Amino acid sequence: MAVNKELLSLRKFSQNNLEHILIIKMKRTIFPYDFSPYYPVGIQPCPMYVDVANRIYDRIKNMDISLPNADKLKKEIAINVAIYYEDKMSDIGLWNAFVHKHSLAYAHHLPFYDDSHVLDKKDVNAKEVELLVWLVLSRNFDDRFLNPLAMGEDAANIIMDILTEDDEVDVNDSLYDFIYNSDTANDYFKLKHVLIWLRRSYLLYSPLSEDRFEEYLDSYLGQFSKGESMYYVETAFSMNCEIGPMAEMPHLWLADMYLENCMQEESEKLRNIKYCQQDIFEVSDVDSGNAVLKSSKDEVYKLKNVYPDVFIKGSYICTALVKYADNDWEINGVLLNSKKEVYDKMHERQAELRNSYEHAYPLYMKRAEGKRLAFFKDTKELKEWLTKISPELDMTEVCHHLPSGPQVGFISEKAGMIFAPNIIHVIKCSYNPYYRKCDARTLQKETMDALINTEVMHPEFLHYLLENNMLQDGDLSGNYPSELGKFIFTRNIDFIARHHRRHLYWDHDY
């Protein structure tokens, strides 16, 4: 009998084990290579978190998400939440850097959600998971706003059940060491690999940033090989493009990660990094030890003469520069010979821009009687205003390019005159006769367009409206406007703009 019981027990064990294996095989739709776009080259997630992603996906795959490519989105949610879990358990600090930045900017931990309680930096949190789900969904629809309050808590609660199932967790030492290696932290050219990776990380990735990257790449591919182009673009992008939901440069994200990891000195070095984007330089002076470069903006940079065959007095080069910690200025990325006529052309252009900015703005403001905004119901009114503000314009030529329909005009300090369509009803200005002269739906749409539609709204114009509290009519209550919905919108208005615009949140004109 004992033998029979033993055999029965063994048979039962084998059957259960087989069932477990079969279940795993059915569930395993996410694999390590699905994680690879979010990780540095050569580094993978811990196997545990691939398993977590599969468990999450299995639990949410039948949830109703009324969006295109719903199954793909659910897998993205599962993968990103699993990486967030790994981030927390491995002390990677990327998510915590976001919370830190948001807290400093807005005096509360998270956007949208009630987070009055103290968040545990070392553990996962239901409200953080809820926000991350929104972030993942939003980056797939960056041209429109998905109301986070309309999503519900079901997905986050289901996911939290999974994230709290494991008694023991794995730690990704490889990823941690890649970021926090002291040798790396004190050498910009090693650190650059971390900065390059950050744009692809789970939290900071966005299609808008990828589009910007492709624009950079296209501009280089005509001059260099694909490998050289990729390196030059990665270098330029890492120091010249804001990323992530707070729309900040990669080195500032990393600075906060170092701060969270008690690396105060290294964090300060990153915050104080200096960068000169690609330009044409005149080699104005050279000796055996140093070379002096003058940019097209007449800015002067002193470098060690490590390229004596290139740094020849009176010659011209195309490059970008970086200065890290107490180091000298150094070449960062591309280095090409150039010509005097190219430098002269850029130098002349910069001087023209400076002169234009210095004279155009005060002149336009005088003619506009101090009013930076103007409101036009049609093209006829716009032309009349333009004739008054800039009578020297050739209106025959200008009329071919004027937008049609209602417009808002804005006198820019740097870009002359800017026009924005379809926002005339939402700008709360004492002399706007069209303010709120529309239905509630139009009011909501125009307000959100002003915030997130990069084709409608120039960054300088947007910042002027935000700084002067002129966009007050947003509401996140859905179909039933409420004071609470207005309050939540107002409290998060700047974050919404940062999150959706990324590098286009900032004014990079001249």
Protein backbone atom coordinates (compact mmCIF):
# COMPACT_ATOMS: atom_id res chain seq x y z
CA MET A 1 0.00 0.00 0.00
CA ALA A 2 2.82 2.35 0.82
CA VAL A 3 4.26 1.86 -2.64
CA ASN A 4 0.89 2.46 -4.25
CA LYS A 5 0.45 5.71 -2.25
CA GLU A 6 3.91 6.77 -3.25
CA LEU A 7 3.18 6.04 -6.87
CA LEU A 8 -0.13 7.85 -6.60
CA SER A 9 1.56 10.84 -5.02
CA LEU A 10 4.25 10.87 -7.69
CA ARG A 11 1.64 10.53 -10.41
CA LYS A 12 -0.34 13.43 -8.89
CA PHE A 13 2.84 15.56 -8.66
CA SER A 14 3.74 14.83 -12.26
CA GLN A 15 0.25 15.70 -13.44
CA ASN A 16 0.20 18.99 -11.52
CA ASN A 17 3.68 19.87 -12.75
CA LEU A 18 2.68 19.13 -16.32
CA GLU A 19 -0.41 21.29 -15.98
CA HIS A 20 1.79 24.08 -14.61
CA ILE A 21 4.16 23.77 -17.56
CA LEU A 22 1.28 23.82 -20.03
CA ILE A 23 -0.21 26.92 -18.37
CA ILE A 24 3.14 28.69 -18.56
CA LYS A 25 3.47 27.81 -22.23
CA MET A 26 0.02 29.16 -22.95
CA LYS A 27 0.65 32.36 -21.04
CA ARG A 28 4.16 33.08 -22.28
CA THR A 29 3.50 35.58 -25.02
CA ILE A 30 6.14 38.07 -23.89
CA PHE A 31 9.85 37.24 -24.14
CA PRO A 32 13.15 38.91 -23.19
CA TYR A 33 13.60 40.30 -26.70
CA ASP A 34 10.33 42.24 -26.22
CA PHE A 35 12.09 44.10 -23.40
CA SER A 36 15.28 44.84 -25.35
CA PRO A 37 14.17 48.18 -26.93
CA TYR A 38 14.00 49.65 -23.41
CA TYR A 39 17.41 48.43 -22.20
CA PRO A 40 21.04 49.39 -22.88
CA VAL A 41 22.77 47.24 -25.48
CA GLY A 42 23.97 44.00 -23.91
CA ILE A 43 21.77 44.25 -20.80
CA GLN A 44 18.58 42.26 -20.28
CA PRO A 45 15.81 42.20 -17.67
CA CYS A 46 15.95 39.64 -14.92
CA PRO A 47 13.95 36.53 -15.97
CA MET A 48 11.61 37.13 -13.04
CA TYR A 49 10.29 40.35 -14.60
CA VAL A 50 9.65 38.68 -17.95
CA ASP A 51 7.51 36.23 -15.99
CA VAL A 52 5.79 39.14 -14.22
CA ALA A 53 4.99 40.73 -17.59
CA ASN A 54 3.41 37.51 -18.80
CA ARG A 55 1.33 37.20 -15.62
CA ILE A 56 0.15 40.80 -15.98
CA TYR A 57 -0.74 40.31 -19.62
CA ASP A 58 -2.64 37.11 -18.83
CA ARG A 59 -4.75 38.96 -16.27
CA ILE A 60 -5.50 42.07 -18.37
CA LYS A 61 -5.72 40.59 -21.87
CA ASN A 62 -9.53 40.30 -21.71
CA MET A 63 -10.04 43.79 -20.32
CA ASP A 64 -11.93 46.19 -22.55
CA ILE A 65 -9.63 48.93 -23.88
CA SER A 66 -11.59 50.85 -26.49
CA LEU A 67 -8.52 51.85 -28.48
CA PRO A 68 -6.96 50.63 -31.74
CA ASN A 69 -4.36 47.84 -31.42
CA ALA A 70 -5.69 46.98 -27.95
CA ASP A 71 -3.77 43.71 -27.63
CA LYS A 72 -0.48 45.39 -28.53
CA LEU A 73 -1.20 48.10 -25.96
CA LYS A 74 -1.90 45.52 -23.25
CA LYS A 75 1.46 43.86 -23.93
CA GLU A 76 3.16 47.27 -23.76
CA ILE A 77 1.45 47.93 -20.44
CA ALA A 78 2.58 44.55 -19.09
CA ILE A 79 6.20 45.08 -20.21
CA ASN A 80 6.42 48.66 -18.92
CA VAL A 81 4.90 47.83 -15.55
CA ALA A 82 7.32 44.89 -15.19
CA ILE A 83 10.26 47.23 -15.90
CA TYR A 84 8.84 49.74 -13.40
CA TYR A 85 8.75 46.89 -10.86
CA GLU A 86 12.36 46.01 -11.67
CA ASP A 87 13.29 49.70 -11.47
CA LYS A 88 11.90 49.88 -7.92
CA MET A 89 13.30 46.56 -6.70
CA SER A 90 16.76 47.19 -8.19
CA ASP A 91 17.07 50.81 -6.99
CA ILE A 92 17.48 52.02 -10.58
CA GLY A 93 15.85 55.30 -9.55
CA LEU A 94 14.33 56.38 -12.87
CA TRP A 95 10.74 56.45 -11.67
CA ASN A 96 11.78 58.09 -8.40
CA ALA A 97 13.61 60.78 -10.39
CA PHE A 98 10.32 61.54 -12.14
CA VAL A 99 8.45 61.80 -8.82
CA HIS A 100 11.22 64.07 -7.51
CA LYS A 101 11.05 66.36 -10.55
CA HIS A 102 7.27 66.51 -10.44
CA SER A 103 7.28 67.28 -6.71
CA LEU A 104 9.76 70.13 -7.16
CA ALA A 105 7.82 71.63 -10.07
CA TYR A 106 4.28 71.31 -8.72
CA ALA A 107 4.50 70.62 -4.96
CA HIS A 108 2.67 67.28 -5.21
CA HIS A 109 4.03 63.82 -5.98
CA LEU A 110 2.03 62.67 -9.00
CA PRO A 111 -0.11 64.30 -11.68
CA PHE A 112 -3.89 63.83 -11.74
CA TYR A 113 -4.33 61.41 -8.88
CA ASP A 114 -4.86 61.88 -5.15
CA ASP A 115 -1.43 61.19 -3.68
CA SER A 116 -1.64 62.95 -0.36
CA HIS A 117 -0.07 59.99 1.40
CA VAL A 118 3.70 59.55 1.44
CA LEU A 119 4.97 57.38 -1.40
CA ASP A 120 7.44 54.60 -0.61
CA LYS A 121 10.43 55.09 -2.89
CA LYS A 122 11.48 51.47 -2.50
CA ASP A 123 8.14 49.84 -3.24
CA VAL A 124 5.50 49.80 -5.94
CA ASN A 125 2.38 51.89 -5.54
CA ALA A 126 -1.12 51.55 -7.00
CA LYS A 127 -1.36 55.22 -8.02
CA GLU A 128 2.04 55.02 -9.70
CA VAL A 129 0.91 51.96 -11.63
CA GLU A 130 -2.30 53.75 -12.62
CA LEU A 131 -0.27 56.70 -13.90
CA LEU A 132 2.15 54.44 -15.77
CA VAL A 133 -0.74 52.75 -17.59
CA TRP A 134 -1.90 56.21 -18.69
CA LEU A 135 1.63 57.16 -19.79
CA VAL A 136 1.94 54.02 -21.93
CA LEU A 137 -1.45 54.54 -23.56
CA SER A 138 -0.82 58.25 -24.10
CA ARG A 139 2.43 57.83 -25.99
CA ASN A 140 0.54 55.82 -28.59
CA PHE A 141 -1.88 58.72 -29.07
CA ASP A 142 0.33 61.79 -28.67
CA ASP A 143 -1.91 63.89 -30.93
CA ARG A 144 -4.85 63.71 -28.52
CA PHE A 145 -5.49 63.72 -24.80
CA LEU A 146 -6.65 60.56 -23.03
CA ASN A 147 -8.44 61.53 -19.86
CA PRO A 148 -6.68 59.71 -17.01
CA LEU A 149 -9.70 60.10 -14.73
CA ALA A 150 -11.92 58.21 -17.17
CA MET A 151 -9.71 55.11 -17.20
CA GLY A 152 -10.73 53.71 -13.83
CA GLU A 153 -8.63 51.80 -11.31
CA ASP A 154 -9.44 48.24 -12.39
CA ALA A 155 -6.26 47.61 -14.37
CA ALA A 156 -4.02 49.10 -11.68
CA ASN A 157 -5.67 47.04 -8.93
CA ILE A 158 -5.34 43.81 -10.94
CA ILE A 159 -1.70 44.60 -11.68
CA MET A 160 -0.95 45.42 -8.04
CA ASP A 161 -2.24 41.97 -7.04
CA ILE A 162 0.47 40.48 -9.26
CA LEU A 163 3.22 42.84 -8.09
CA THR A 164 2.61 41.81 -4.49
CA GLU A 165 2.58 38.04 -5.12
CA ASP A 166 6.34 37.47 -4.90
CA ASP A 167 7.98 37.06 -1.51
CA GLU A 168 11.45 37.42 -3.01
CA VAL A 169 12.50 39.61 -5.93
CA ASP A 170 15.45 39.67 -8.30
CA VAL A 171 17.80 42.62 -8.56
CA ASN A 172 19.23 43.73 -11.92
CA ASP A 173 22.84 44.34 -10.90
CA SER A 174 23.96 44.71 -14.53
CA LEU A 175 21.63 47.63 -15.17
CA TYR A 176 22.45 49.22 -11.82
CA ASP A 177 26.21 49.00 -12.43
CA PHE A 178 25.80 50.38 -15.96
CA ILE A 179 24.24 53.55 -14.51
CA TYR A 180 25.98 54.03 -11.18
CA ASN A 181 29.55 52.96 -11.87
CA SER A 182 31.77 55.65 -10.31
CA ASP A 183 34.30 55.41 -13.14
CA THR A 184 31.50 56.07 -15.62
CA ALA A 185 30.05 58.91 -13.57
CA ASN A 186 33.34 60.84 -13.71
CA ASP A 187 34.03 60.41 -17.41
CA TYR A 188 31.67 62.17 -19.80
CA PHE A 189 32.50 59.95 -22.75
CA LYS A 190 31.58 56.86 -20.75
CA LEU A 191 28.60 58.66 -19.24
CA LYS A 192 27.37 59.49 -22.72
CA HIS A 193 26.31 55.85 -23.19
CA VAL A 194 23.95 56.21 -20.23
CA LEU A 195 22.58 59.50 -21.63
CA ILE A 196 22.04 57.88 -25.01
CA TRP A 197 20.15 54.97 -23.44
CA LEU A 198 17.80 57.18 -21.40
CA ARG A 199 15.71 58.26 -24.40
CA ARG A 200 14.83 54.59 -24.97
CA SER A 201 14.09 53.76 -21.32
CA TYR A 202 10.58 52.67 -20.41
CA LEU A 203 9.60 55.94 -18.75
CA LEU A 204 11.27 58.45 -21.08
CA TYR A 205 10.56 56.90 -24.48
CA SER A 206 8.05 58.60 -26.79
CA PRO A 207 7.22 58.51 -30.52
CA LEU A 208 7.67 62.30 -30.62
CA SER A 209 11.28 61.94 -29.50
CA GLU A 210 11.79 59.17 -32.04
CA ASP A 211 10.48 61.43 -34.80
CA ARG A 212 12.95 64.10 -33.69
CA PHE A 213 15.74 61.51 -33.72
CA GLU A 214 14.84 60.49 -37.28
CA GLU A 215 14.95 64.14 -38.36
CA TYR A 216 18.47 64.40 -36.97
CA LEU A 217 19.46 61.16 -38.66
CA ASP A 218 18.15 62.21 -42.07
CA SER A 219 20.28 65.35 -41.91
CA TYR A 220 23.45 63.29 -41.33
CA LEU A 221 22.88 60.36 -43.68
CA GLY A 222 23.64 62.47 -46.73
CA GLN A 223 27.12 63.23 -45.40
CA PHE A 224 28.26 60.15 -43.47
CA SER A 225 27.96 56.39 -43.34
CA LYS A 226 25.03 54.94 -41.40
CA GLY A 227 27.25 53.95 -38.46
CA GLU A 228 28.87 57.40 -38.24
CA SER A 229 25.49 59.09 -38.63
CA MET A 230 23.96 57.05 -35.82
CA TYR A 231 26.82 57.93 -33.49
CA TYR A 232 26.72 61.64 -34.32
CA VAL A 233 22.94 61.78 -33.95
CA GLU A 234 22.96 59.87 -30.65
CA THR A 235 25.60 62.29 -29.38
CA ALA A 236 23.75 65.41 -30.50
CA PHE A 237 20.37 64.14 -29.33
CA SER A 238 21.63 63.23 -25.86
CA MET A 239 22.66 66.85 -25.25
CA ASN A 240 20.17 68.75 -27.34
CA CYS A 241 16.67 67.35 -26.93
CA GLU A 242 14.29 67.26 -23.97
CA ILE A 243 12.74 63.88 -23.22
CA GLY A 244 10.31 62.20 -20.84
CA PRO A 245 7.03 63.34 -19.29
CA MET A 246 8.73 66.35 -17.65
CA ALA A 247 10.37 67.40 -20.93
CA GLU A 248 13.93 67.68 -19.60
CA MET A 249 17.36 66.93 -21.01
CA PRO A 250 18.82 63.43 -20.47
CA HIS A 251 21.62 64.72 -18.23
CA LEU A 252 19.07 66.36 -15.91
CA TRP A 253 17.16 63.10 -15.60
CA LEU A 254 20.39 61.32 -14.74
CA ALA A 255 21.35 64.08 -12.29
CA ASP A 256 18.18 63.39 -10.31
CA MET A 257 18.82 59.65 -10.46
CA TYR A 258 22.29 60.24 -9.00
CA LEU A 259 20.79 62.48 -6.34
CA GLU A 260 18.31 59.76 -5.40
CA ASN A 261 21.26 57.36 -5.15
CA CYS A 262 23.21 59.63 -2.76
CA MET A 263 25.71 60.66 -5.46
CA GLN A 264 25.54 64.38 -4.71
CA GLU A 265 28.87 65.37 -6.27
CA GLU A 266 28.21 63.47 -9.50
CA SER A 267 24.71 64.92 -9.66
CA GLU A 268 26.08 68.46 -9.46
CA LYS A 269 28.59 67.74 -12.22
CA LEU A 270 25.75 66.67 -14.48
CA ARG A 271 23.63 69.71 -13.66
CA ASN A 272 26.51 72.01 -14.51
CA ILE A 273 27.48 70.35 -17.77
CA LYS A 274 27.93 72.83 -20.63
CA TYR A 275 27.22 72.12 -24.25
CA CYS A 276 27.63 73.98 -27.51
CA GLN A 277 25.52 72.49 -30.26
CA GLN A 278 26.93 71.85 -33.71
CA ASP A 279 28.18 75.01 -35.40
CA ILE A 280 30.85 76.34 -37.74
CA PHE A 281 33.88 77.65 -35.85
CA GLU A 282 36.85 79.78 -36.81
CA VAL A 283 40.16 78.58 -35.34
CA SER A 284 41.15 82.04 -34.14
CA ASP A 285 44.33 81.11 -32.24
CA VAL A 286 46.58 78.10 -31.77
CA ASP A 287 49.68 77.16 -29.81
CA SER A 288 51.28 73.84 -28.88
CA GLY A 289 48.93 73.34 -25.97
CA ASN A 290 45.62 74.96 -26.86
CA ALA A 291 43.31 76.05 -29.63
CA VAL A 292 40.77 78.86 -29.48
CA LEU A 293 37.53 78.47 -31.46
CA LYS A 294 35.09 81.26 -32.26
CA SER A 295 31.49 80.26 -33.07
CA SER A 296 29.17 81.91 -35.59
CA LYS A 297 27.59 83.69 -32.59
CA ASP A 298 31.00 85.15 -31.63
CA GLU A 299 31.27 82.90 -28.56
CA VAL A 300 34.85 81.84 -27.72
CA TYR A 301 35.90 78.35 -26.57
CA LYS A 302 39.36 77.20 -25.47
CA LEU A 303 40.31 73.56 -26.08
CA LYS A 304 43.41 71.42 -25.72
CA ASN A 305 45.14 71.16 -29.09
CA VAL A 306 44.58 67.42 -29.52
CA TYR A 307 44.04 67.77 -33.28
CA PRO A 308 47.07 69.78 -34.52
CA ASP A 309 46.37 68.73 -38.11
CA VAL A 310 42.87 70.18 -37.86
CA PHE A 311 43.30 73.10 -35.44
CA ILE A 312 45.20 75.41 -37.76
CA LYS A 313 44.95 79.15 -37.17
CA GLY A 314 42.66 80.74 -39.72
CA SER A 315 40.98 77.47 -40.66
CA TYR A 316 37.31 76.57 -40.16
CA ILE A 317 35.71 73.48 -38.67
CA CYS A 318 32.26 72.06 -38.05
CA THR A 319 31.79 70.42 -34.65
CA ALA A 320 29.93 70.35 -31.31
CA LEU A 321 31.53 70.95 -27.92
CA VAL A 322 31.03 69.75 -24.35
CA LYS A 323 32.53 70.75 -20.99
CA TYR A 324 32.11 68.33 -18.09
CA ALA A 325 33.18 68.98 -14.51
CA ASP A 326 36.59 70.68 -14.35
CA ASN A 327 37.63 69.39 -17.76
CA ASP A 328 38.42 71.62 -20.71
CA TRP A 329 36.01 72.06 -23.56
CA GLU A 330 36.16 68.95 -25.77
CA ILE A 331 34.98 67.88 -29.19
CA ASN A 332 31.68 66.00 -28.88
CA GLY A 333 30.72 64.01 -31.93
CA VAL A 334 31.28 65.25 -35.45
CA LEU A 335 34.50 67.05 -36.48
CA LEU A 336 34.79 68.26 -40.07
CA ASN A 337 36.77 70.80 -42.00
CA SER A 338 34.69 73.71 -43.24
CA LYS A 339 35.16 76.88 -45.27
CA LYS A 340 35.34 80.61 -44.58
CA GLU A 341 32.35 81.36 -46.81
CA VAL A 342 30.17 78.91 -44.84
CA TYR A 343 31.27 80.50 -41.55
CA ASP A 344 30.72 84.02 -42.90
CA LYS A 345 27.23 83.13 -44.08
CA MET A 346 26.25 81.69 -40.68
CA HIS A 347 27.91 84.58 -38.85
CA GLU A 348 25.99 87.09 -40.96
CA ARG A 349 22.74 85.20 -40.38
CA GLN A 350 23.23 85.22 -36.59
CA ALA A 351 23.93 88.96 -36.65
CA GLU A 352 20.77 89.55 -38.70
CA LEU A 353 18.71 87.53 -36.23
CA ARG A 354 20.10 89.43 -33.26
CA ASN A 355 19.40 92.75 -34.94
CA SER A 356 15.91 91.69 -35.94
CA TYR A 357 15.03 90.53 -32.45
CA GLU A 358 16.41 93.65 -30.84
CA HIS A 359 14.44 96.03 -33.09
CA ALA A 360 11.32 94.23 -34.30
CA TYR A 361 9.73 93.45 -30.95
CA PRO A 362 9.79 96.98 -29.43
CA LEU A 363 8.67 98.44 -32.75
CA TYR A 364 5.74 96.04 -33.11
CA MET A 365 4.74 96.54 -29.47
CA LYS A 366 4.70 100.33 -29.93
CA ARG A 367 2.49 100.06 -32.99
CA ALA A 368 0.22 97.58 -31.16
CA GLU A 369 -0.07 100.00 -28.23
CA GLY A 370 1.47 97.49 -25.84
CA LYS A 371 -0.91 94.64 -26.64
CA ARG A 372 0.86 91.37 -27.49
CA LEU A 373 -2.39 89.63 -28.42
CA ALA A 374 -4.84 90.35 -31.21
CA PHE A 375 -8.06 88.54 -32.12
CA PHE A 376 -9.43 88.21 -35.67
CA LYS A 377 -12.72 86.70 -36.79
CA ASP A 378 -11.46 86.44 -40.38
CA THR A 379 -8.56 87.09 -42.75
CA LYS A 380 -9.76 90.62 -43.52
CA GLU A 381 -9.30 91.70 -39.89
CA LEU A 382 -5.92 90.00 -39.76
CA LYS A 383 -4.71 91.91 -42.86
CA GLU A 384 -5.85 95.22 -41.38
CA TRP A 385 -3.92 94.53 -38.20
CA LEU A 386 -0.80 93.47 -40.11
CA THR A 387 -0.92 96.66 -42.17
CA LYS A 388 -0.92 98.65 -38.93
CA ILE A 389 1.80 96.62 -37.15
CA SER A 390 4.14 96.14 -40.09
CA PRO A 391 3.29 98.55 -42.92
CA GLU A 392 6.62 97.78 -44.62
CA LEU A 393 5.38 94.27 -45.47
CA ASP A 394 4.47 93.48 -49.05
CA MET A 395 0.83 92.55 -48.38
CA THR A 396 0.37 91.16 -51.89
CA GLU A 397 2.97 88.49 -51.17
CA VAL A 398 1.92 88.01 -47.55
CA CYS A 399 -1.75 87.42 -48.41
CA HIS A 400 -0.87 84.21 -50.22
CA HIS A 401 0.37 82.73 -46.94
CA LEU A 402 -2.19 84.08 -44.49
CA PRO A 403 -4.28 81.49 -42.68
CA SER A 404 -8.05 81.51 -43.09
CA GLY A 405 -10.76 81.51 -40.43
CA PRO A 406 -10.60 82.91 -36.88
CA GLN A 407 -7.07 83.59 -35.66
CA VAL A 408 -5.18 84.81 -32.63
CA GLY A 409 -2.11 86.94 -33.30
CA PHE A 410 0.84 87.11 -30.93
CA ILE A 411 3.82 89.47 -31.00
CA SER A 412 6.85 87.35 -30.22
CA GLU A 413 10.02 88.65 -28.63
CA LYS A 414 12.05 86.49 -31.00
CA ALA A 415 9.94 85.23 -33.88
CA GLY A 416 8.16 88.36 -35.10
CA MET A 417 4.43 87.66 -35.38
CA ILE A 418 2.82 84.31 -34.65
CA PHE A 419 -0.70 83.21 -35.55
CA ALA A 420 -2.73 80.42 -34.01
CA PRO A 421 -6.03 79.11 -35.40
CA ASN A 422 -8.99 77.64 -33.54
CA ILE A 423 -8.21 78.91 -30.02
CA ILE A 424 -9.93 82.30 -30.15
CA HIS A 425 -12.66 81.37 -27.62
CA VAL A 426 -10.43 80.12 -24.79
CA ILE A 427 -7.98 82.95 -24.16
CA LYS A 428 -9.08 84.88 -21.10
CA CYS A 429 -7.91 88.37 -22.00
CA SER A 430 -9.61 91.63 -21.08
CA TYR A 431 -9.82 92.68 -24.73
CA ASN A 432 -10.75 89.34 -26.31
CA PRO A 433 -14.36 89.85 -27.53
CA TYR A 434 -14.72 86.15 -28.42
CA TYR A 435 -13.83 84.66 -25.02
CA ARG A 436 -16.31 81.88 -24.14
CA LYS A 437 -18.57 82.80 -27.09
CA CYS A 438 -18.99 79.12 -27.98
CA ASP A 439 -20.47 75.87 -26.69
CA ALA A 440 -18.83 73.82 -23.90
CA ARG A 441 -17.50 71.15 -26.27
CA THR A 442 -15.71 73.74 -28.44
CA LEU A 443 -14.31 75.38 -25.32
CA GLN A 444 -12.84 72.06 -24.18
CA LYS A 445 -11.37 71.23 -27.57
CA GLU A 446 -9.77 74.63 -28.10
CA THR A 447 -8.25 74.61 -24.61
CA MET A 448 -6.66 71.22 -25.16
CA ASP A 449 -5.50 72.20 -28.67
CA ALA A 450 -3.72 75.19 -27.22
CA LEU A 451 -1.88 72.89 -24.82
CA ILE A 452 -0.93 69.86 -26.88
CA ASN A 453 -1.29 70.67 -30.58
CA THR A 454 2.26 71.57 -31.58
CA GLU A 455 1.16 72.68 -35.05
CA VAL A 456 -1.38 75.14 -33.64
CA MET A 457 0.59 76.68 -30.79
CA HIS A 458 4.16 78.02 -30.77
CA PRO A 459 6.00 77.35 -27.45
CA GLU A 460 6.65 81.06 -26.71
CA PHE A 461 2.96 81.81 -27.25
CA LEU A 462 1.91 78.90 -25.01
CA HIS A 463 4.24 79.96 -22.19
CA TYR A 464 2.85 83.49 -22.37
CA LEU A 465 -0.69 82.13 -21.94
CA LEU A 466 0.34 79.83 -19.09
CA GLU A 467 2.33 82.47 -17.24
CA ASN A 468 -0.59 84.91 -17.43
CA ASN A 469 -3.22 82.33 -16.47
CA MET A 470 -5.15 82.79 -19.72
CA LEU A 471 -6.21 79.15 -20.21
CA GLN A 472 -8.78 78.57 -17.45
CA ASP A 473 -11.48 76.55 -19.10
CA GLY A 474 -10.14 73.03 -19.22
CA ASP A 475 -12.03 70.30 -17.39
CA LEU A 476 -11.18 66.65 -16.77
CA SER A 477 -14.65 65.70 -15.58
CA GLY A 478 -15.65 64.14 -18.89
CA ASN A 479 -19.19 64.74 -20.06
CA TYR A 480 -20.28 66.30 -16.79
CA PRO A 481 -18.23 69.46 -16.10
CA SER A 482 -17.52 70.07 -12.46
CA GLU A 483 -15.46 72.29 -10.21
CA LEU A 484 -13.34 69.27 -9.27
CA GLY A 485 -12.64 68.54 -12.95
CA LYS A 486 -11.61 72.16 -13.52
CA PHE A 487 -9.40 72.11 -10.44
CA ILE A 488 -7.61 68.94 -11.55
CA PHE A 489 -7.08 70.37 -15.03
CA THR A 490 -5.76 73.69 -13.71
CA ARG A 491 -3.40 71.96 -11.29
CA ASN A 492 -1.99 69.80 -14.07
CA ILE A 493 -2.09 72.18 -17.04
CA ASP A 494 1.67 72.68 -17.26
CA PHE A 495 2.37 68.96 -16.85
CA ILE A 496 -0.06 68.13 -19.66
CA ALA A 497 1.81 70.55 -21.92
CA ARG A 498 5.21 69.12 -20.96
CA HIS A 499 4.11 65.53 -21.33
CA HIS A 500 2.52 65.90 -24.75
CA ARG A 501 4.99 68.35 -26.26
CA ARG A 502 8.32 66.99 -24.95
CA HIS A 503 11.11 68.96 -26.71
CA LEU A 504 8.43 71.11 -28.36
CA TYR A 505 7.39 72.41 -24.95
CA TRP A 506 10.49 74.64 -25.00
CA ASP A 507 11.16 77.68 -27.13
CA HIS A 508 14.31 76.95 -29.11
CA ASP A 509 14.12 79.89 -31.51
CA TYR A 510 17.43 81.71 -31.61
